[in-house]
């Protein structure tokens, strides 16, 4: 897991353009809403990479490289981007009401939603 620095690609009197991702094959883009305190995920994927972009709010992202890596935690706020990789267990908890865009590379969208999702016996966040 890591937080990805985001910078403005172009700025003029009309506003700004910011590239969130470049040169990635994306299979799904998912909008997720969280109520304050809500916990999601507590799972991992064998083949899927996920980029989590916070539209609004604040979220705690906890992750661990399997099988026994160190548990790490970052806070993502509005306008920030974090990524989890295959074989990295992860969980998210909303610190306030949050809107999140998840960009997915791998079998995770639509009817494949659960095909690459493996629940944790011991949750990272409970």
C-alpha atoms as a PDB file:
ATOM      1  CA  UNK A   1       0.000   0.000   0.000  1.00  0.00           C
ATOM      2  CA  UNK A   2       1.177   3.470  -0.669  1.00  0.00           C
ATOM      3  CA  UNK A   3      -0.095   6.984  -1.012  1.00  0.00           C
ATOM      4  CA  UNK A   4       0.507   8.326  -4.499  1.00  0.00           C
ATOM      5  CA  UNK A   5       1.462  11.993  -4.836  1.00  0.00           C
ATOM      6  CA  UNK A   6      -0.879  13.904  -7.126  1.00  0.00           C
ATOM      7  CA  UNK A   7       0.117  17.057  -8.937  1.00  0.00           C
ATOM      8  CA  UNK A   8      -1.584  19.358 -11.386  1.00  0.00           C
ATOM      9  CA  UNK A   9      -0.671  18.487 -14.988  1.00  0.00           C
ATOM     10  CA  UNK A  10      -1.906  21.755 -16.498  1.00  0.00           C
ATOM     11  CA  UNK A  11      -3.152  25.036 -15.070  1.00  0.00           C
ATOM     12  CA  UNK A  12      -4.463  28.151 -16.825  1.00  0.00           C
ATOM     13  CA  UNK A  13      -7.172  30.783 -16.322  1.00  0.00           C
ATOM     14  CA  UNK A  14      -9.887  28.160 -16.967  1.00  0.00           C
ATOM     15  CA  UNK A  15      -8.780  25.914 -14.084  1.00  0.00           C
ATOM     16  CA  UNK A  16      -6.664  22.814 -13.615  1.00  0.00           C
ATOM     17  CA  UNK A  17      -6.220  19.359 -15.157  1.00  0.00           C
ATOM     18  CA  UNK A  18      -4.897  16.608 -12.909  1.00  0.00           C
ATOM     19  CA  UNK A  19      -4.044  13.120 -14.186  1.00  0.00           C
ATOM     20  CA  UNK A  20      -4.837  10.597 -11.450  1.00  0.00           C
ATOM     21  CA  UNK A  21      -3.469   7.587 -13.365  1.00  0.00           C
ATOM     22  CA  UNK A  22      -1.390   7.194 -16.497  1.00  0.00           C
ATOM     23  CA  UNK A  23      -0.526   4.148 -18.600  1.00  0.00           C
ATOM     24  CA  UNK A  24      -2.724   1.703 -16.652  1.00  0.00           C
ATOM     25  CA  UNK A  25      -5.327  -0.762 -17.929  1.00  0.00           C
ATOM     26  CA  UNK A  26      -8.466  -0.143 -15.885  1.00  0.00           C
ATOM     27  CA  UNK A  27     -11.245  -2.757 -15.852  1.00  0.00           C
ATOM     28  CA  UNK A  28     -13.720  -0.949 -13.594  1.00  0.00           C
ATOM     29  CA  UNK A  29     -14.320   2.364 -11.865  1.00  0.00           C
ATOM     30  CA  UNK A  30     -16.535   2.114  -8.790  1.00  0.00           C
ATOM     31  CA  UNK A  31     -18.092   4.848  -6.656  1.00  0.00           C
ATOM     32  CA  UNK A  32     -18.403   3.868  -2.978  1.00  0.00           C
ATOM     33  CA  UNK A  33     -20.036   5.896  -0.230  1.00  0.00           C
ATOM     34  CA  UNK A  34     -19.227   5.443   3.438  1.00  0.00           C
ATOM     35  CA  UNK A  35     -21.094   6.602   6.509  1.00  0.00           C
ATOM     36  CA  UNK A  36     -18.865   7.768   9.350  1.00  0.00           C
ATOM     37  CA  UNK A  37     -17.321   4.739  11.070  1.00  0.00           C
ATOM     38  CA  UNK A  38     -18.266   2.305   8.292  1.00  0.00           C
ATOM     39  CA  UNK A  39     -15.755  -0.469   7.598  1.00  0.00           C
ATOM     40  CA  UNK A  40     -15.345  -2.124   4.206  1.00  0.00           C
ATOM     41  CA  UNK A  41     -13.072  -4.719   2.619  1.00  0.00           C
ATOM     42  CA  UNK A  42     -11.088  -6.831   5.151  1.00  0.00           C
ATOM     43  CA  UNK A  43     -10.054  -8.960   2.202  1.00  0.00           C
ATOM     44  CA  UNK A  44      -7.362  -9.372  -0.440  1.00  0.00           C
ATOM     45  CA  UNK A  45      -7.162 -10.084  -4.157  1.00  0.00           C
ATOM     46  CA  UNK A  46      -4.818 -12.474  -5.927  1.00  0.00           C
ATOM     47  CA  UNK A  47      -4.841 -10.600  -9.254  1.00  0.00           C
ATOM     48  CA  UNK A  48      -6.366  -7.185  -8.648  1.00  0.00           C
ATOM     49  CA  UNK A  49      -4.769  -3.781  -8.078  1.00  0.00           C
ATOM     50  CA  UNK A  50      -7.010  -1.032  -6.686  1.00  0.00           C
ATOM     51  CA  UNK A  51      -6.435   2.716  -6.648  1.00  0.00           C
ATOM     52  CA  UNK A  52      -8.597   4.515  -4.074  1.00  0.00           C
ATOM     53  CA  UNK A  53      -9.265   8.201  -4.757  1.00  0.00           C
ATOM     54  CA  UNK A  54     -11.076  10.186  -2.059  1.00  0.00           C
ATOM     55  CA  UNK A  55     -13.571  12.583  -3.625  1.00  0.00           C
ATOM     56  CA  UNK A  56     -14.729  13.901  -0.255  1.00  0.00           C
ATOM     57  CA  UNK A  57     -14.229  12.961   3.370  1.00  0.00           C
ATOM     58  CA  UNK A  58     -11.439  11.104   5.124  1.00  0.00           C
ATOM     59  CA  UNK A  59     -10.657   7.398   5.266  1.00  0.00           C
ATOM     60  CA  UNK A  60      -8.220   5.120   7.067  1.00  0.00           C
ATOM     61  CA  UNK A  61      -6.630   2.488   4.803  1.00  0.00           C
ATOM     62  CA  UNK A  62      -4.996  -0.442   6.598  1.00  0.00           C
ATOM     63  CA  UNK A  63      -2.999  -3.024   4.626  1.00  0.00           C
ATOM     64  CA  UNK A  64      -0.684  -5.990   5.046  1.00  0.00           C
ATOM     65  CA  UNK A  65       1.370  -7.841   2.438  1.00  0.00           C
ATOM     66  CA  UNK A  66       0.529 -11.534   2.738  1.00  0.00           C
ATOM     67  CA  UNK A  67       1.394 -13.863   4.278  1.00  0.00           C
ATOM     68  CA  UNK A  68       2.976 -12.039   7.240  1.00  0.00           C
ATOM     69  CA  UNK A  69       4.041  -8.521   6.333  1.00  0.00           C
ATOM     70  CA  UNK A  70       3.871  -5.601   8.700  1.00  0.00           C
ATOM     71  CA  UNK A  71       0.414  -4.040   9.128  1.00  0.00           C
ATOM     72  CA  UNK A  72       0.522  -0.465   7.822  1.00  0.00           C
ATOM     73  CA  UNK A  73      -1.986   2.367   8.053  1.00  0.00           C
ATOM     74  CA  UNK A  74      -2.419   5.591   6.124  1.00  0.00           C
ATOM     75  CA  UNK A  75      -5.038   8.309   6.162  1.00  0.00           C
ATOM     76  CA  UNK A  76      -6.428   9.469   2.822  1.00  0.00           C
ATOM     77  CA  UNK A  77      -8.237  12.794   2.667  1.00  0.00           C
ATOM     78  CA  UNK A  78     -10.188  14.529  -0.075  1.00  0.00           C
ATOM     79  CA  UNK A  79      -8.064  14.722  -3.226  1.00  0.00           C
ATOM     80  CA  UNK A  80      -5.647  11.946  -2.209  1.00  0.00           C
ATOM     81  CA  UNK A  81      -4.941   8.613  -3.910  1.00  0.00           C
ATOM     82  CA  UNK A  82      -3.797   5.318  -2.400  1.00  0.00           C
ATOM     83  CA  UNK A  83      -3.115   1.944  -4.019  1.00  0.00           C
ATOM     84  CA  UNK A  84      -3.282  -1.685  -2.881  1.00  0.00           C
ATOM     85  CA  UNK A  85      -1.643  -4.477  -4.862  1.00  0.00           C
ATOM     86  CA  UNK A  86      -2.366  -8.177  -5.415  1.00  0.00           C
ATOM     87  CA  UNK A  87      -1.748 -10.296  -2.304  1.00  0.00           C
ATOM     88  CA  UNK A  88      -2.073  -7.237  -0.073  1.00  0.00           C
ATOM     89  CA  UNK A  89      -4.891  -7.559   2.437  1.00  0.00           C
ATOM     90  CA  UNK A  90      -6.690  -4.280   3.006  1.00  0.00           C
ATOM     91  CA  UNK A  91      -9.511  -2.652   4.921  1.00  0.00           C
ATOM     92  CA  UNK A  92     -11.013   0.834   4.908  1.00  0.00           C
ATOM     93  CA  UNK A  93     -12.741   2.757   7.674  1.00  0.00           C
ATOM     94  CA  UNK A  94     -14.452   6.099   7.175  1.00  0.00           C
ATOM     95  CA  UNK A  95     -13.373   8.744   9.660  1.00  0.00           C
ATOM     96  CA  UNK A  96     -16.252  10.892   8.392  1.00  0.00           C
ATOM     97  CA  UNK A  97     -18.816  10.556   5.621  1.00  0.00           C
ATOM     98  CA  UNK A  98     -16.742   9.749   2.539  1.00  0.00           C
ATOM     99  CA  UNK A  99     -17.105   9.352  -1.223  1.00  0.00           C
ATOM    100  CA  UNK A 100     -14.446   7.131  -2.806  1.00  0.00           C
ATOM    101  CA  UNK A 101     -13.659   6.271  -6.424  1.00  0.00           C
ATOM    102  CA  UNK A 102     -11.972   2.898  -6.857  1.00  0.00           C
ATOM    103  CA  UNK A 103     -10.082   2.303 -10.113  1.00  0.00           C
ATOM    104  CA  UNK A 104      -9.598  -1.438 -10.592  1.00  0.00           C
ATOM    105  CA  UNK A 105      -7.129  -3.374 -12.708  1.00  0.00           C
ATOM    106  CA  UNK A 106      -8.152  -7.041 -12.652  1.00  0.00           C
ATOM    107  CA  UNK A 107     -11.304  -9.122 -12.221  1.00  0.00           C
ATOM    108  CA  UNK A 108     -13.265  -6.970  -9.785  1.00  0.00           C
ATOM    109  CA  UNK A 109     -16.066  -5.103 -11.591  1.00  0.00           C
ATOM    110  CA  UNK A 110     -19.637  -6.083 -12.405  1.00  0.00           C
ATOM    111  CA  UNK A 111     -20.389  -9.817 -12.339  1.00  0.00           C
ATOM    112  CA  UNK A 112     -16.740 -10.543 -11.460  1.00  0.00           C
ATOM    113  CA  UNK A 113     -17.070  -8.599  -8.203  1.00  0.00           C
ATOM    114  CA  UNK A 114     -16.408 -11.589  -5.931  1.00  0.00           C
ATOM    115  CA  UNK A 115     -14.295 -13.753  -8.270  1.00  0.00           C
ATOM    116  CA  UNK A 116     -11.000 -12.359  -6.941  1.00  0.00           C
ATOM    117  CA  UNK A 117     -12.049 -11.490  -3.381  1.00  0.00           C
ATOM    118  CA  UNK A 118     -10.775 -13.534  -0.458  1.00  0.00           C
ATOM    119  CA  UNK A 119     -12.118 -12.646   2.999  1.00  0.00           C
ATOM    120  CA  UNK A 120      -9.741 -12.421   5.948  1.00  0.00           C
ATOM    121  CA  UNK A 121     -10.224 -14.790   8.882  1.00  0.00           C
ATOM    122  CA  UNK A 122      -8.688 -12.120  11.142  1.00  0.00           C
ATOM    123  CA  UNK A 123      -9.928  -8.672  10.047  1.00  0.00           C
ATOM    124  CA  UNK A 124      -7.463  -5.798   9.823  1.00  0.00           C
ATOM    125  CA  UNK A 125     -10.210  -3.514  11.183  1.00  0.00           C
ATOM    126  CA  UNK A 126     -13.116  -4.795  13.242  1.00  0.00           C
END
